[in-house]
Protein backbone atom coordinates (compact mmCIF):
# COMPACT_ATOMS: atom_id res chain seq x y z
CA MET A 1 -1.89 -1.98 -9.16
CA GLU A 2 1.47 -2.72 -7.55
CA LYS A 3 2.91 0.63 -8.70
CA LEU A 4 0.02 2.50 -7.10
CA ASN A 5 0.29 0.49 -3.89
CA LYS A 6 4.01 1.19 -3.50
CA ALA A 7 3.54 4.91 -4.15
CA LEU A 8 0.60 5.13 -1.76
CA ILE A 9 2.57 3.35 0.97
CA LYS A 10 5.34 5.95 0.58
CA VAL A 11 2.88 8.82 0.87
CA GLN A 12 1.18 7.26 3.90
CA SER A 13 4.46 6.65 5.71
CA GLU A 14 5.95 10.08 4.95
CA LEU A 15 2.87 12.24 5.51
CA LYS A 16 2.99 14.58 8.47
CA ALA A 17 -0.19 16.65 8.60
CA PRO A 18 0.25 19.27 11.33
CA LYS A 19 -2.57 20.61 13.45
CA ASN A 20 -2.34 24.24 12.33
CA GLN A 21 -5.79 25.32 13.52
CA ARG A 22 -6.63 26.47 17.05
CA ASN A 23 -9.93 26.32 18.92
CA ASN A 24 -9.44 28.96 21.60
CA PHE A 25 -12.73 28.16 23.32
CA GLY A 26 -11.86 24.47 23.76
CA LYS A 27 -8.12 25.19 24.03
CA TYR A 28 -6.97 22.56 21.53
CA ASN A 29 -5.25 22.38 18.16
CA TYR A 30 -6.70 20.46 15.25
CA ARG A 31 -6.03 19.83 11.57
CA SER A 32 -8.39 20.85 8.82
CA ALA A 33 -8.93 19.36 5.38
CA GLU A 34 -6.83 22.24 4.06
CA ASP A 35 -3.94 21.32 6.40
CA ILE A 36 -3.99 17.76 5.08
CA LEU A 37 -4.10 18.97 1.46
CA GLU A 38 -1.16 21.30 2.03
CA ALA A 39 0.91 18.45 3.50
CA VAL A 40 -0.07 15.74 1.01
CA LYS A 41 0.18 17.60 -2.34
CA PRO A 42 4.01 17.59 -2.50
CA LEU A 43 4.11 13.89 -1.55
CA LEU A 44 1.57 13.01 -4.22
CA ALA A 45 3.59 14.89 -6.84
CA LYS A 46 6.86 13.32 -5.65
CA ASN A 47 5.36 9.83 -6.05
CA GLY A 48 3.59 10.42 -9.39
CA LEU A 49 0.08 10.37 -7.96
CA SER A 50 -2.96 12.55 -8.46
CA MET A 51 -5.91 13.01 -6.14
CA THR A 52 -9.46 14.16 -6.71
CA ILE A 53 -12.17 14.88 -4.17
CA SER A 54 -15.86 14.84 -5.03
CA ASP A 55 -18.90 15.56 -2.87
CA PHE A 56 -22.36 14.07 -3.25
CA ILE A 57 -25.43 15.14 -1.32
CA HIS A 58 -27.82 12.43 -0.08
CA GLU A 59 -30.78 12.22 2.25
CA VAL A 60 -31.83 9.50 4.66
CA CYS A 61 -35.07 9.77 6.65
CA GLY A 62 -35.24 13.49 5.89
CA ILE A 63 -31.68 14.14 7.10
CA PRO A 64 -29.33 15.52 4.45
CA TYR A 65 -25.69 14.47 4.44
CA VAL A 66 -22.64 14.96 2.28
CA GLU A 67 -20.57 12.01 1.11
CA SER A 68 -17.03 12.87 0.08
CA HIS A 69 -15.00 10.59 -2.18
CA VAL A 70 -11.20 10.80 -2.29
CA VAL A 71 -9.62 9.07 -5.28
CA VAL A 72 -5.85 8.62 -5.65
CA SER A 73 -4.51 7.49 -9.02
CA ASP A 74 -1.18 6.74 -10.66
CA GLY A 75 -2.69 7.29 -14.13
CA GLN A 76 -3.59 3.63 -14.59
CA ASP A 77 -5.02 2.34 -11.33
CA GLU A 78 -6.88 4.10 -8.55
CA ARG A 79 -7.93 3.73 -4.92
CA SER A 80 -10.93 5.43 -3.36
CA VAL A 81 -12.19 6.13 0.14
CA SER A 82 -15.38 7.87 1.22
CA ALA A 83 -16.70 9.48 4.39
CA GLN A 84 -19.99 11.10 5.32
CA ALA A 85 -21.11 14.02 7.47
CA GLY A 86 -24.61 15.13 8.37
CA ILE A 87 -25.82 18.57 7.36
CA ASP A 88 -27.80 20.71 9.79
CA PRO A 89 -29.42 23.41 7.65
CA ASN A 90 -30.64 25.14 10.83
CA ARG A 91 -27.24 25.31 12.50
CA LYS A 92 -27.08 28.40 14.66
CA GLY A 93 -24.81 31.14 13.32
CA MET A 94 -24.54 29.66 9.80
CA ASP A 95 -26.45 30.23 6.62
CA ILE A 96 -27.34 27.23 4.43
CA ALA A 97 -24.18 27.50 2.27
CA GLN A 98 -21.93 27.61 5.35
CA SER A 99 -23.72 24.59 6.83
CA PHE A 100 -23.18 22.55 3.65
CA GLY A 101 -19.57 23.77 3.36
CA SER A 102 -18.78 22.88 6.96
CA SER A 103 -20.14 19.34 6.50
CA SER A 104 -18.24 19.00 3.22
CA SER A 105 -14.95 19.98 4.90
CA TYR A 106 -15.59 17.51 7.71
CA ALA A 107 -16.38 14.62 5.34
CA ARG A 108 -13.38 15.45 3.13
CA LYS A 109 -11.06 15.51 6.15
CA TYR A 110 -12.18 12.08 7.29
CA ALA A 111 -12.06 10.61 3.79
CA MET A 112 -8.44 11.80 3.52
CA ASN A 113 -7.75 10.43 7.02
CA GLY A 114 -8.90 7.05 5.74
CA MET A 115 -6.90 7.25 2.52
CA PHE A 116 -3.65 8.30 4.18
CA LEU A 117 -4.07 6.45 7.53
CA ILE A 118 -4.06 9.68 9.54
CA ASP A 119 -4.82 8.96 13.18
CA ASP A 120 -6.98 11.70 14.71
CA THR A 121 -7.26 10.15 18.16
CA LYS A 122 -6.01 13.30 19.85
CA ASP A 123 -8.31 15.62 17.88
CA ALA A 124 -11.27 17.16 19.66
CA ASP A 125 -13.61 15.11 17.46
CA ALA A 126 -12.11 11.94 18.89
CA THR A 127 -12.05 13.09 22.52
CA ASN A 128 -15.32 15.02 22.68
CA THR A 129 -17.92 12.97 24.57
CA HIS A 130 -20.73 15.27 23.40
CA GLY A 131 -22.13 15.38 26.93
CA GLN A 132 -22.18 11.60 27.42
CA SER A 133 -20.50 9.79 30.27
CA SER A 134 -17.08 8.35 29.52
CA GLN A 135 -17.52 5.27 31.73
CA SER A 136 -16.19 2.17 30.07
CA SER A 137 -15.66 -1.42 31.06
CA LYS A 138 -12.66 -1.72 28.73
CA PRO A 139 -9.21 -1.81 30.30
CA SER A 140 -7.15 1.34 30.02
CA VAL A 141 -4.58 1.22 27.22
CA PRO A 142 -2.73 3.99 25.39
CA SER A 143 -5.46 5.34 23.11
CA ALA A 144 -3.32 6.38 20.15
CA THR A 145 -1.92 2.88 19.73
CA SER A 146 -5.15 1.01 20.47
CA ASP A 147 -7.21 3.29 18.23
CA ALA A 148 -4.70 2.94 15.40
CA PHE A 149 -4.68 -0.81 15.91
CA GLN A 150 -8.49 -1.00 15.81
CA LYS A 151 -8.57 1.20 12.70
CA SER A 152 -6.02 -1.13 11.13
CA ILE A 153 -8.20 -4.15 11.90
CA ASP A 154 -11.25 -2.41 10.40
CA TYR A 155 -9.24 -1.42 7.34
CA LEU A 156 -8.01 -4.99 6.82
CA LYS A 157 -11.50 -6.44 7.24
CA SER A 158 -12.88 -4.18 4.51
CA ALA A 159 -9.89 -4.34 2.13
CA LYS A 160 -10.26 -6.24 -1.12
CA ASP A 161 -6.51 -6.87 -1.31
CA LYS A 162 -5.65 -7.78 2.28
CA ALA A 163 -1.95 -8.37 1.57
CA GLN A 164 -1.60 -4.87 0.13
CA ALA A 165 -3.60 -3.38 3.01
CA PHE A 166 -1.32 -5.12 5.52
CA THR A 167 1.75 -3.76 3.72
CA MET A 168 0.34 -0.22 3.95
CA ILE A 169 -0.43 -0.62 7.65
CA GLU A 170 3.01 -2.10 8.32
CA GLY A 171 4.62 0.84 6.51
CA LYS A 172 2.68 3.34 8.60
CA TYR A 173 2.62 1.65 12.03
CA GLY A 174 5.34 -1.04 11.86
CA SER A 175 7.52 0.73 14.41
CA THR A 176 4.54 1.53 16.66
CA PHE A 177 2.81 -1.85 16.89
CA SER A 178 4.24 -4.74 18.87
CA GLU A 179 5.19 -8.02 17.21
CA LYS A 180 2.07 -9.54 18.79
CA GLN A 181 -0.14 -6.85 17.23
CA LEU A 182 1.51 -7.27 13.82
CA GLY A 183 1.04 -11.03 14.12
CA ALA A 184 -2.65 -10.55 14.91
CA LEU A 185 -3.03 -8.31 11.86
CA LYS A 186 -1.26 -10.86 9.63
CA LYS A 187 -4.01 -13.36 10.46
CA PHE A 188 -6.45 -11.24 8.43
CA VAL A 189 -4.25 -11.64 5.34
CA LYS A 190 -4.60 -15.44 5.21
């Protein structure tokens, strides 16, 4: 497992997934699942890793959703991450295949974000309030750092191997987080 962990840390720390897509209506750039794949494939090959993505369709309370699983392997060991996205079969302007495909792309993107610690805090998905008020009682802090820090906490809480998870986070965000933040994250390892 150590070989896989070291290779995955390298991929996570070197990955730069550009936002090559443009939403002209909302006037913002974003990255797609395809953008992530284009950026990560050479890094996977360079580090002797393979990746597979599988989709599974489920239903809860009559609402269909797609669950995407991303699995990275070094040929002996593997790591997996999953993400879900609801499917609206009646989405305006899309036929049923496009609706399923759109949800699949969304779930795949967020599963890869989880696998490779990609921070989408400046994507429209992260900043769109969907018509709800943005009032908050939380103090104002730089969102990219605080969101990455919270994601790191969540990742550590759910990790089976907390020491390895901390090493991956440290490799990705070590220069971004303060010593106090890194110290707080280390407490999850014990």
